Amino acid sequence: MHPSSIMNMEKAIKAVDLKPNSTILDVGGANTYYNQDRSYKHMFSKDHTYWITDIVDAPNVTHVMLGEYEMPFSDESIDLIVCGQTLEHVNNPFKTVEEMKRILKTGHYMCLCAPSAGPKHDNPDVWRFMDDAFKAIAKDVGGLKIIMDWVYRTGNDIDRGKKWQDHTCVMQKIS
């Protein structure tokens, strides 16, 4: 996970009201390359339940997805969803966010981070998320309120922020 992604996700998580003993779901956080930790687990205290779901099985994945847009969780069962550097790799990020909304408790939050720039990487690599991308997804999915939304364009070569220009968004499920 590149440093600017971690920095932007930390900022997003600080914006949400996370209660003790919450269930956090990391969508797409599988350790797929050289056992590299691609999750945000280190950002949370041990009193939370931290699950990782992904379309592929990996040593750190706790729940393998049942299909491309089907997560193995009950409706309204998750307190916080984090998803970073994943949505650019799914064929339909609108369907993915819709599935996240289904399992997220009403009044709770999802923190999303995806590149708005950068070269092709991994396979597939199908999307870049420009300034209005998460607004369009929230509008299409419905029942989501944008709390914070920004594109990080002031990064440098060290944090790789200039290369990826991460677009980060905090959405709250309102219905």
N, C-alpha and C. Protein backbone atom coordinates (compact mmCIF):
# COMPACT_ATOMS: atom_id res chain seq x y z
N MET A 1 0.86 -1.18 0.00
CA MET A 1 0.00 0.00 0.00
C MET A 1 0.90 1.24 0.00
N HIS A 2 0.67 2.14 -0.90
CA HIS A 2 1.53 3.30 -0.97
C HIS A 2 1.23 4.28 0.18
N PRO A 3 2.23 5.03 0.61
CA PRO A 3 2.10 5.89 1.80
C PRO A 3 0.97 6.91 1.72
N SER A 4 0.71 7.50 0.55
CA SER A 4 -0.37 8.50 0.49
C SER A 4 -1.73 7.85 0.68
N SER A 5 -1.89 6.60 0.29
CA SER A 5 -3.15 5.89 0.53
C SER A 5 -3.39 5.72 2.02
N ILE A 6 -2.35 5.35 2.74
CA ILE A 6 -2.46 5.19 4.19
C ILE A 6 -2.79 6.53 4.84
N MET A 7 -2.11 7.58 4.43
CA MET A 7 -2.35 8.91 4.99
C MET A 7 -3.79 9.37 4.73
N ASN A 8 -4.28 9.18 3.50
CA ASN A 8 -5.64 9.60 3.17
C ASN A 8 -6.69 8.77 3.90
N MET A 9 -6.45 7.47 4.02
CA MET A 9 -7.41 6.63 4.74
C MET A 9 -7.42 6.99 6.23
N GLU A 10 -6.28 7.29 6.81
CA GLU A 10 -6.25 7.74 8.22
C GLU A 10 -7.10 8.99 8.41
N LYS A 11 -6.99 9.94 7.50
CA LYS A 11 -7.80 11.16 7.56
C LYS A 11 -9.28 10.83 7.46
N ALA A 12 -9.64 9.92 6.58
CA ALA A 12 -11.05 9.53 6.42
C ALA A 12 -11.58 8.86 7.68
N ILE A 13 -10.81 7.95 8.24
CA ILE A 13 -11.26 7.22 9.43
C ILE A 13 -11.44 8.16 10.62
N LYS A 14 -10.58 9.16 10.75
CA LYS A 14 -10.72 10.13 11.84
C LYS A 14 -12.01 10.92 11.74
N ALA A 15 -12.61 10.98 10.57
CA ALA A 15 -13.83 11.76 10.35
C ALA A 15 -15.10 11.01 10.77
N VAL A 16 -14.98 9.72 11.05
CA VAL A 16 -16.17 8.93 11.39
C VAL A 16 -16.26 8.71 12.90
N ASP A 17 -17.47 8.51 13.35
CA ASP A 17 -17.72 8.24 14.76
C ASP A 17 -17.74 6.74 14.96
N LEU A 18 -16.59 6.17 15.27
CA LEU A 18 -16.45 4.73 15.42
C LEU A 18 -16.53 4.35 16.90
N LYS A 19 -17.54 3.59 17.23
CA LYS A 19 -17.76 3.16 18.61
C LYS A 19 -16.82 2.00 18.95
N PRO A 20 -16.55 1.81 20.26
CA PRO A 20 -15.74 0.64 20.67
C PRO A 20 -16.42 -0.66 20.25
N ASN A 21 -15.63 -1.68 20.05
CA ASN A 21 -16.12 -3.01 19.69
C ASN A 21 -16.90 -3.03 18.39
N SER A 22 -16.50 -2.21 17.44
CA SER A 22 -17.15 -2.17 16.13
C SER A 22 -16.64 -3.29 15.23
N THR A 23 -17.45 -3.64 14.27
CA THR A 23 -17.05 -4.59 13.23
C THR A 23 -16.66 -3.79 12.00
N ILE A 24 -15.41 -3.95 11.59
CA ILE A 24 -14.85 -3.22 10.46
C ILE A 24 -14.60 -4.23 9.34
N LEU A 25 -15.01 -3.86 8.14
CA LEU A 25 -14.78 -4.71 6.98
C LEU A 25 -13.88 -4.00 5.99
N ASP A 26 -12.79 -4.63 5.63
CA ASP A 26 -11.86 -4.14 4.61
C ASP A 26 -12.19 -4.89 3.32
N VAL A 27 -12.69 -4.17 2.33
CA VAL A 27 -13.05 -4.77 1.05
C VAL A 27 -11.85 -4.68 0.12
N GLY A 28 -11.31 -5.84 -0.26
CA GLY A 28 -10.20 -5.88 -1.20
C GLY A 28 -8.83 -5.82 -0.58
N GLY A 29 -8.71 -6.13 0.69
CA GLY A 29 -7.43 -6.00 1.38
C GLY A 29 -6.57 -7.25 1.42
N ALA A 30 -6.76 -8.14 0.45
CA ALA A 30 -5.98 -9.39 0.44
C ALA A 30 -4.50 -9.12 0.26
N ASN A 31 -3.68 -9.92 0.95
CA ASN A 31 -2.23 -9.91 0.75
C ASN A 31 -1.95 -10.74 -0.50
N THR A 32 -1.85 -10.09 -1.64
CA THR A 32 -1.70 -10.85 -2.87
C THR A 32 -0.30 -10.82 -3.46
N TYR A 33 0.53 -9.87 -3.08
CA TYR A 33 1.86 -9.76 -3.66
C TYR A 33 2.93 -9.89 -2.59
N TYR A 34 3.71 -10.94 -2.70
CA TYR A 34 4.86 -11.12 -1.82
C TYR A 34 4.47 -10.98 -0.35
N ASN A 35 3.25 -11.42 -0.03
CA ASN A 35 2.71 -11.33 1.33
C ASN A 35 2.71 -9.90 1.87
N GLN A 36 2.54 -8.93 0.98
CA GLN A 36 2.46 -7.52 1.36
C GLN A 36 1.11 -7.25 1.99
N ASP A 37 1.11 -6.62 3.16
CA ASP A 37 -0.14 -6.28 3.84
C ASP A 37 -0.81 -5.13 3.09
N ARG A 38 -1.94 -5.40 2.45
CA ARG A 38 -2.69 -4.39 1.72
C ARG A 38 -3.93 -3.96 2.50
N SER A 39 -3.99 -4.26 3.77
CA SER A 39 -5.15 -3.89 4.58
C SER A 39 -4.83 -2.63 5.40
N TYR A 40 -5.86 -2.16 6.07
CA TYR A 40 -5.72 -0.99 6.95
C TYR A 40 -5.86 -1.41 8.42
N LYS A 41 -5.69 -2.68 8.69
CA LYS A 41 -5.89 -3.23 10.03
C LYS A 41 -5.06 -2.51 11.09
N HIS A 42 -3.85 -2.11 10.74
CA HIS A 42 -2.95 -1.47 11.70
C HIS A 42 -3.50 -0.13 12.21
N MET A 43 -4.50 0.42 11.57
CA MET A 43 -5.06 1.71 11.97
C MET A 43 -6.10 1.60 13.09
N PHE A 44 -6.47 0.39 13.44
CA PHE A 44 -7.55 0.20 14.40
C PHE A 44 -7.07 -0.52 15.65
N SER A 45 -7.71 -0.20 16.77
CA SER A 45 -7.35 -0.86 18.03
C SER A 45 -7.84 -2.30 18.01
N LYS A 46 -7.28 -3.10 18.89
CA LYS A 46 -7.60 -4.52 18.94
C LYS A 46 -8.98 -4.81 19.53
N ASP A 47 -9.68 -3.76 20.05
CA ASP A 47 -11.02 -4.03 20.59
C ASP A 47 -12.07 -4.12 19.49
N HIS A 48 -11.68 -3.85 18.24
CA HIS A 48 -12.59 -3.97 17.11
C HIS A 48 -12.43 -5.34 16.47
N THR A 49 -13.50 -5.79 15.83
CA THR A 49 -13.41 -6.98 14.98
C THR A 49 -13.06 -6.49 13.59
N TYR A 50 -11.97 -7.00 13.03
CA TYR A 50 -11.50 -6.56 11.71
C TYR A 50 -11.53 -7.74 10.76
N TRP A 51 -12.39 -7.64 9.75
CA TRP A 51 -12.50 -8.67 8.73
C TRP A 51 -12.02 -8.13 7.39
N ILE A 52 -11.53 -9.04 6.57
CA ILE A 52 -11.12 -8.71 5.21
C ILE A 52 -11.87 -9.63 4.26
N THR A 53 -12.53 -9.02 3.27
CA THR A 53 -13.18 -9.81 2.22
C THR A 53 -12.54 -9.45 0.89
N ASP A 54 -12.42 -10.44 0.05
CA ASP A 54 -11.83 -10.24 -1.27
C ASP A 54 -12.36 -11.31 -2.19
N ILE A 55 -12.27 -11.07 -3.48
CA ILE A 55 -12.70 -12.04 -4.48
C ILE A 55 -11.74 -13.23 -4.55
N VAL A 56 -10.51 -13.02 -4.09
CA VAL A 56 -9.51 -14.09 -4.05
C VAL A 56 -9.21 -14.46 -2.60
N ASP A 57 -8.85 -15.70 -2.40
CA ASP A 57 -8.45 -16.15 -1.07
C ASP A 57 -6.97 -15.81 -0.88
N ALA A 58 -6.62 -15.43 0.32
CA ALA A 58 -5.23 -15.12 0.68
C ALA A 58 -5.10 -15.37 2.17
N PRO A 59 -3.87 -15.46 2.69
CA PRO A 59 -3.69 -15.77 4.10
C PRO A 59 -4.43 -14.84 5.07
N ASN A 60 -4.61 -13.57 4.71
CA ASN A 60 -5.25 -12.64 5.64
C ASN A 60 -6.74 -12.45 5.38
N VAL A 61 -7.28 -13.07 4.33
CA VAL A 61 -8.70 -12.92 4.01
C VAL A 61 -9.52 -13.76 4.97
N THR A 62 -10.47 -13.12 5.63
CA THR A 62 -11.34 -13.83 6.58
C THR A 62 -12.63 -14.32 5.92
N HIS A 63 -13.05 -13.65 4.84
CA HIS A 63 -14.29 -14.01 4.15
C HIS A 63 -14.09 -13.85 2.64
N VAL A 64 -14.09 -14.96 1.91
CA VAL A 64 -13.99 -14.90 0.46
C VAL A 64 -15.37 -14.53 -0.10
N MET A 65 -15.37 -13.58 -1.04
CA MET A 65 -16.62 -13.16 -1.65
C MET A 65 -17.25 -14.31 -2.41
N LEU A 66 -18.58 -14.34 -2.44
CA LEU A 66 -19.31 -15.41 -3.10
C LEU A 66 -19.39 -15.22 -4.61
N GLY A 67 -19.19 -13.99 -5.04
CA GLY A 67 -19.21 -13.62 -6.46
C GLY A 67 -18.62 -12.23 -6.57
N GLU A 68 -18.51 -11.74 -7.80
CA GLU A 68 -17.87 -10.45 -8.01
C GLU A 68 -18.51 -9.31 -7.22
N TYR A 69 -19.82 -9.39 -7.01
CA TYR A 69 -20.53 -8.32 -6.29
C TYR A 69 -21.36 -8.89 -5.15
N GLU A 70 -20.90 -9.97 -4.55
CA GLU A 70 -21.67 -10.63 -3.49
C GLU A 70 -20.76 -10.92 -2.29
N MET A 71 -20.99 -10.15 -1.22
CA MET A 71 -20.20 -10.31 -0.01
C MET A 71 -20.97 -11.18 0.98
N PRO A 72 -20.27 -12.07 1.69
CA PRO A 72 -20.93 -13.06 2.54
C PRO A 72 -21.33 -12.51 3.92
N PHE A 73 -22.13 -11.44 3.92
CA PHE A 73 -22.56 -10.82 5.16
C PHE A 73 -24.04 -10.50 5.09
N SER A 74 -24.68 -10.49 6.24
CA SER A 74 -26.10 -10.15 6.33
C SER A 74 -26.31 -8.66 6.09
N ASP A 75 -27.51 -8.30 5.70
CA ASP A 75 -27.89 -6.90 5.57
C ASP A 75 -27.62 -6.18 6.88
N GLU A 76 -27.10 -4.96 6.80
CA GLU A 76 -26.90 -4.07 7.95
C GLU A 76 -26.13 -4.75 9.09
N SER A 77 -25.02 -5.41 8.77
CA SER A 77 -24.25 -6.13 9.79
C SER A 77 -22.88 -5.53 10.07
N ILE A 78 -22.47 -4.51 9.31
CA ILE A 78 -21.11 -3.97 9.42
C ILE A 78 -21.17 -2.52 9.90
N ASP A 79 -20.26 -2.18 10.84
CA ASP A 79 -20.22 -0.82 11.40
C ASP A 79 -19.42 0.16 10.55
N LEU A 80 -18.34 -0.29 9.93
CA LEU A 80 -17.49 0.56 9.11
C LEU A 80 -16.90 -0.27 7.98
N ILE A 81 -16.93 0.29 6.77
CA ILE A 81 -16.29 -0.35 5.63
C ILE A 81 -15.14 0.54 5.17
N VAL A 82 -13.98 -0.07 4.98
CA VAL A 82 -12.85 0.62 4.38
C VAL A 82 -12.51 -0.13 3.08
N CYS A 83 -12.21 0.64 2.05
CA CYS A 83 -11.89 0.04 0.76
C CYS A 83 -10.89 0.96 0.07
N GLY A 84 -9.67 0.52 -0.02
CA GLY A 84 -8.63 1.35 -0.62
C GLY A 84 -7.87 0.61 -1.70
N GLN A 85 -7.66 1.29 -2.81
CA GLN A 85 -6.88 0.76 -3.93
C GLN A 85 -7.47 -0.55 -4.42
N THR A 86 -8.79 -0.59 -4.50
CA THR A 86 -9.51 -1.78 -4.97
C THR A 86 -10.50 -1.46 -6.07
N LEU A 87 -11.25 -0.38 -5.92
CA LEU A 87 -12.34 -0.10 -6.86
C LEU A 87 -11.88 0.10 -8.30
N GLU A 88 -10.63 0.49 -8.50
CA GLU A 88 -10.14 0.64 -9.87
C GLU A 88 -9.95 -0.71 -10.56
N HIS A 89 -10.04 -1.80 -9.78
CA HIS A 89 -9.83 -3.13 -10.33
C HIS A 89 -11.12 -3.93 -10.53
N VAL A 90 -12.26 -3.36 -10.17
CA VAL A 90 -13.53 -4.09 -10.35
C VAL A 90 -14.23 -3.58 -11.61
N ASN A 91 -14.92 -4.47 -12.28
CA ASN A 91 -15.59 -4.10 -13.53
C ASN A 91 -16.66 -3.04 -13.33
N ASN A 92 -17.38 -3.10 -12.22
CA ASN A 92 -18.47 -2.16 -11.99
C ASN A 92 -18.41 -1.65 -10.55
N PRO A 93 -17.71 -0.55 -10.29
CA PRO A 93 -17.61 -0.04 -8.92
C PRO A 93 -18.97 0.41 -8.36
N PHE A 94 -19.92 0.75 -9.22
CA PHE A 94 -21.26 1.11 -8.76
C PHE A 94 -21.91 -0.08 -8.05
N LYS A 95 -21.80 -1.28 -8.64
CA LYS A 95 -22.36 -2.49 -8.03
C LYS A 95 -21.63 -2.83 -6.73
N THR A 96 -20.32 -2.63 -6.72
CA THR A 96 -19.54 -2.92 -5.51
C THR A 96 -19.98 -2.02 -4.37
N VAL A 97 -20.13 -0.73 -4.62
CA VAL A 97 -20.57 0.20 -3.57
C VAL A 97 -22.01 -0.11 -3.16
N GLU A 98 -22.83 -0.51 -4.09
CA GLU A 98 -24.21 -0.90 -3.76
C GLU A 98 -24.22 -2.10 -2.80
N GLU A 99 -23.34 -3.06 -3.02
CA GLU A 99 -23.24 -4.21 -2.13
C GLU A 99 -22.69 -3.80 -0.77
N MET A 100 -21.73 -2.88 -0.75
CA MET A 100 -21.23 -2.35 0.52
C MET A 100 -22.36 -1.69 1.30
N LYS A 101 -23.16 -0.92 0.61
CA LYS A 101 -24.29 -0.24 1.26
C LYS A 101 -25.25 -1.26 1.88
N ARG A 102 -25.51 -2.35 1.19
CA ARG A 102 -26.44 -3.38 1.69
C ARG A 102 -26.00 -3.90 3.06
N ILE A 103 -24.71 -4.16 3.22
CA ILE A 103 -24.24 -4.78 4.46
C ILE A 103 -23.89 -3.77 5.55
N LEU A 104 -23.82 -2.49 5.20
CA LEU A 104 -23.48 -1.43 6.16
C LEU A 104 -24.72 -1.04 6.97
N LYS A 105 -24.55 -0.85 8.26
CA LYS A 105 -25.64 -0.41 9.11
C LYS A 105 -26.05 1.03 8.76
N THR A 106 -27.33 1.31 8.82
CA THR A 106 -27.82 2.66 8.57
C THR A 106 -27.21 3.62 9.59
N GLY A 107 -26.78 4.77 9.11
CA GLY A 107 -26.13 5.77 9.95
C GLY A 107 -24.62 5.58 10.05
N HIS A 108 -24.12 4.50 9.51
CA HIS A 108 -22.70 4.19 9.59
C HIS A 108 -21.99 4.58 8.28
N TYR A 109 -20.68 4.33 8.22
CA TYR A 109 -19.84 4.94 7.19
C TYR A 109 -19.04 3.93 6.37
N MET A 110 -18.73 4.36 5.14
CA MET A 110 -17.73 3.68 4.33
C MET A 110 -16.69 4.71 3.91
N CYS A 111 -15.43 4.30 3.99
CA CYS A 111 -14.30 5.14 3.59
C CYS A 111 -13.66 4.50 2.36
N LEU A 112 -13.70 5.24 1.25
CA LEU A 112 -13.24 4.72 -0.02
C LEU A 112 -12.04 5.52 -0.52
N CYS A 113 -11.06 4.84 -1.09
CA CYS A 113 -9.88 5.51 -1.63
C CYS A 113 -9.46 4.78 -2.91
N ALA A 114 -9.34 5.55 -3.99
CA ALA A 114 -8.95 4.98 -5.27
C ALA A 114 -8.18 6.03 -6.06
N PRO A 115 -7.31 5.61 -6.96
CA PRO A 115 -6.51 6.58 -7.70
C PRO A 115 -7.32 7.38 -8.72
N SER A 116 -6.93 8.64 -8.90
CA SER A 116 -7.50 9.43 -9.99
C SER A 116 -6.48 9.57 -11.11
N ALA A 117 -5.29 9.05 -10.92
CA ALA A 117 -4.22 9.12 -11.92
C ALA A 117 -3.34 7.88 -11.78
N GLY A 118 -2.26 7.85 -12.54
CA GLY A 118 -1.29 6.77 -12.41
C GLY A 118 -1.34 5.78 -13.56
N PRO A 119 -0.26 5.03 -13.72
CA PRO A 119 -0.16 4.07 -14.82
C PRO A 119 -0.97 2.80 -14.54
N LYS A 120 -1.18 2.04 -15.59
CA LYS A 120 -1.85 0.74 -15.45
C LYS A 120 -1.03 -0.13 -14.50
N HIS A 121 -1.73 -0.81 -13.61
CA HIS A 121 -1.08 -1.73 -12.69
C HIS A 121 -2.04 -2.86 -12.38
N ASP A 122 -1.57 -3.98 -12.04
CA ASP A 122 -2.37 -5.17 -11.76
C ASP A 122 -3.27 -5.47 -12.96
N ASN A 123 -4.04 -6.53 -12.82
CA ASN A 123 -4.93 -6.94 -13.90
C ASN A 123 -6.22 -7.49 -13.31
N PRO A 124 -7.37 -6.98 -13.59
CA PRO A 124 -7.59 -5.84 -14.48
C PRO A 124 -7.34 -4.51 -13.77
N ASP A 125 -7.17 -3.49 -14.55
CA ASP A 125 -7.05 -2.11 -14.05
C ASP A 125 -7.91 -1.27 -14.98
N VAL A 126 -9.14 -0.95 -14.56
CA VAL A 126 -10.13 -0.41 -15.49
C VAL A 126 -10.63 1.00 -15.18
N TRP A 127 -10.32 1.57 -14.03
CA TRP A 127 -10.91 2.85 -13.65
C TRP A 127 -9.89 3.80 -13.03
N ARG A 128 -10.14 5.09 -13.18
CA ARG A 128 -9.54 6.17 -12.41
C ARG A 128 -10.71 7.03 -11.93
N PHE A 129 -10.64 7.53 -10.72
CA PHE A 129 -11.76 8.20 -10.07
C PHE A 129 -11.50 9.71 -9.98
N MET A 130 -12.07 10.43 -10.93
CA MET A 130 -11.90 11.88 -11.01
C MET A 130 -12.75 12.57 -9.94
N ASP A 131 -12.70 13.88 -9.90
CA ASP A 131 -13.30 14.68 -8.83
C ASP A 131 -14.77 14.37 -8.54
N ASP A 132 -15.55 14.05 -9.55
CA ASP A 132 -16.99 13.82 -9.36
C ASP A 132 -17.37 12.35 -9.30
N ALA A 133 -16.42 11.46 -9.34
CA ALA A 133 -16.71 10.03 -9.43
C ALA A 133 -17.52 9.50 -8.26
N PHE A 134 -17.10 9.79 -7.04
CA PHE A 134 -17.83 9.25 -5.89
C PHE A 134 -19.20 9.91 -5.73
N LYS A 135 -19.31 11.17 -6.15
CA LYS A 135 -20.63 11.82 -6.14
C LYS A 135 -21.57 11.09 -7.09
N ALA A 136 -21.08 10.71 -8.26
CA ALA A 136 -21.90 9.98 -9.23
C ALA A 136 -22.31 8.61 -8.69
N ILE A 137 -21.37 7.92 -8.05
CA ILE A 137 -21.68 6.61 -7.48
C ILE A 137 -22.72 6.75 -6.38
N ALA A 138 -22.54 7.70 -5.47
CA ALA A 138 -23.49 7.90 -4.36
C ALA A 138 -24.88 8.23 -4.91
N LYS A 139 -24.95 9.06 -5.91
CA LYS A 139 -26.24 9.43 -6.51
C LYS A 139 -26.90 8.21 -7.15
N ASP A 140 -26.14 7.44 -7.91
CA ASP A 140 -26.68 6.27 -8.59
C ASP A 140 -27.14 5.19 -7.61
N VAL A 141 -26.34 4.93 -6.61
CA VAL A 141 -26.69 3.90 -5.62
C VAL A 141 -27.86 4.37 -4.75
N GLY A 142 -27.85 5.65 -4.37
CA GLY A 142 -28.90 6.21 -3.53
C GLY A 142 -28.72 5.84 -2.07
N GLY A 143 -29.29 6.66 -1.18
CA GLY A 143 -29.23 6.38 0.24
C GLY A 143 -27.88 6.59 0.88
N LEU A 144 -26.99 7.30 0.17
CA LEU A 144 -25.65 7.58 0.69
C LEU A 144 -25.43 9.09 0.70
N LYS A 145 -24.87 9.58 1.79
CA LYS A 145 -24.56 11.00 1.93
C LYS A 145 -23.05 11.16 1.99
N ILE A 146 -22.51 12.03 1.16
CA ILE A 146 -21.07 12.27 1.17
C ILE A 146 -20.73 13.21 2.33
N ILE A 147 -19.84 12.77 3.20
CA ILE A 147 -19.40 13.54 4.36
C ILE A 147 -18.12 14.31 4.04
N MET A 148 -17.19 13.65 3.38
CA MET A 148 -15.92 14.25 2.96
C MET A 148 -15.57 13.67 1.60
N ASP A 149 -14.90 14.47 0.77
CA ASP A 149 -14.54 14.02 -0.56
C ASP A 149 -13.39 14.89 -1.06
N TRP A 150 -12.25 14.29 -1.37
CA TRP A 150 -11.12 15.07 -1.84
C TRP A 150 -10.20 14.24 -2.73
N VAL A 151 -9.45 14.95 -3.57
CA VAL A 151 -8.41 14.33 -4.38
C VAL A 151 -7.08 14.90 -3.90
N TYR A 152 -6.17 14.02 -3.53
CA TYR A 152 -4.87 14.40 -3.00
C TYR A 152 -3.90 14.65 -4.15
N ARG A 153 -3.69 15.91 -4.47
CA ARG A 153 -2.83 16.27 -5.60
C ARG A 153 -1.52 16.93 -5.16
N THR A 154 -1.31 17.06 -3.88
CA THR A 154 -0.13 17.77 -3.40
C THR A 154 0.98 16.83 -2.95
N GLY A 155 0.86 15.56 -3.28
CA GLY A 155 1.84 14.59 -2.85
C GLY A 155 3.18 14.76 -3.54
N ASN A 156 4.09 13.88 -3.20
CA ASN A 156 5.44 13.92 -3.76
C ASN A 156 5.87 12.51 -4.16
N ASP A 157 7.10 12.38 -4.60
CA ASP A 157 7.58 11.07 -5.04
C ASP A 157 7.76 10.11 -3.87
N ILE A 158 8.00 10.63 -2.68
CA ILE A 158 8.21 9.76 -1.52
C ILE A 158 6.91 9.08 -1.10
N ASP A 159 5.80 9.85 -1.01
CA ASP A 159 4.54 9.24 -0.60
C ASP A 159 3.74 8.69 -1.78
N ARG A 160 4.27 8.87 -2.98
CA ARG A 160 3.67 8.44 -4.24
C ARG A 160 2.30 9.09 -4.49
N GLY A 161 2.03 10.18 -3.75
CA GLY A 161 0.77 10.90 -3.91
C GLY A 161 0.65 11.59 -5.25
N LYS A 162 1.75 12.11 -5.74
CA LYS A 162 1.73 12.80 -7.04
C LYS A 162 1.43 11.80 -8.16
N LYS A 163 1.95 10.60 -8.03
CA LYS A 163 1.75 9.57 -9.04
C LYS A 163 0.30 9.11 -9.10
N TRP A 164 -0.32 8.83 -7.94
CA TRP A 164 -1.65 8.23 -7.90
C TRP A 164 -2.77 9.23 -7.69
N GLN A 165 -2.50 10.38 -7.06
CA GLN A 165 -3.53 11.39 -6.78
C GLN A 165 -4.81 10.74 -6.25
N ASP A 166 -4.67 10.11 -5.09
CA ASP A 166 -5.78 9.36 -4.50
C ASP A 166 -7.03 10.21 -4.32
N HIS A 167 -8.14 9.64 -4.72
CA HIS A 167 -9.45 10.24 -4.48
C HIS A 167 -10.05 9.49 -3.29
N THR A 168 -10.33 10.23 -2.23
CA THR A 168 -10.83 9.63 -1.00
C THR A 168 -12.19 10.21 -0.69
N CYS A 169 -13.08 9.36 -0.22
CA CYS A 169 -14.45 9.78 0.06
C CYS A 169 -14.96 9.05 1.30
N VAL A 170 -15.66 9.79 2.15
CA VAL A 170 -16.38 9.19 3.29
C VAL A 170 -17.85 9.35 2.99
N MET A 171 -18.56 8.23 2.97
CA MET A 171 -20.01 8.25 2.74
C MET A 171 -20.70 7.67 3.96
N GLN A 172 -21.87 8.22 4.26
CA GLN A 172 -22.70 7.71 5.34
C GLN A 172 -23.97 7.12 4.73
N LYS A 173 -24.35 5.93 5.21
CA LYS A 173 -25.60 5.32 4.77
C LYS A 173 -26.75 6.00 5.50
N ILE A 174 -27.64 6.62 4.75
CA ILE A 174 -28.77 7.32 5.37
C ILE A 174 -30.10 6.60 5.18
N SER A 175 -30.15 5.66 4.26
CA SER A 175 -31.37 4.83 4.10
C SER A 175 -31.05 3.57 3.35
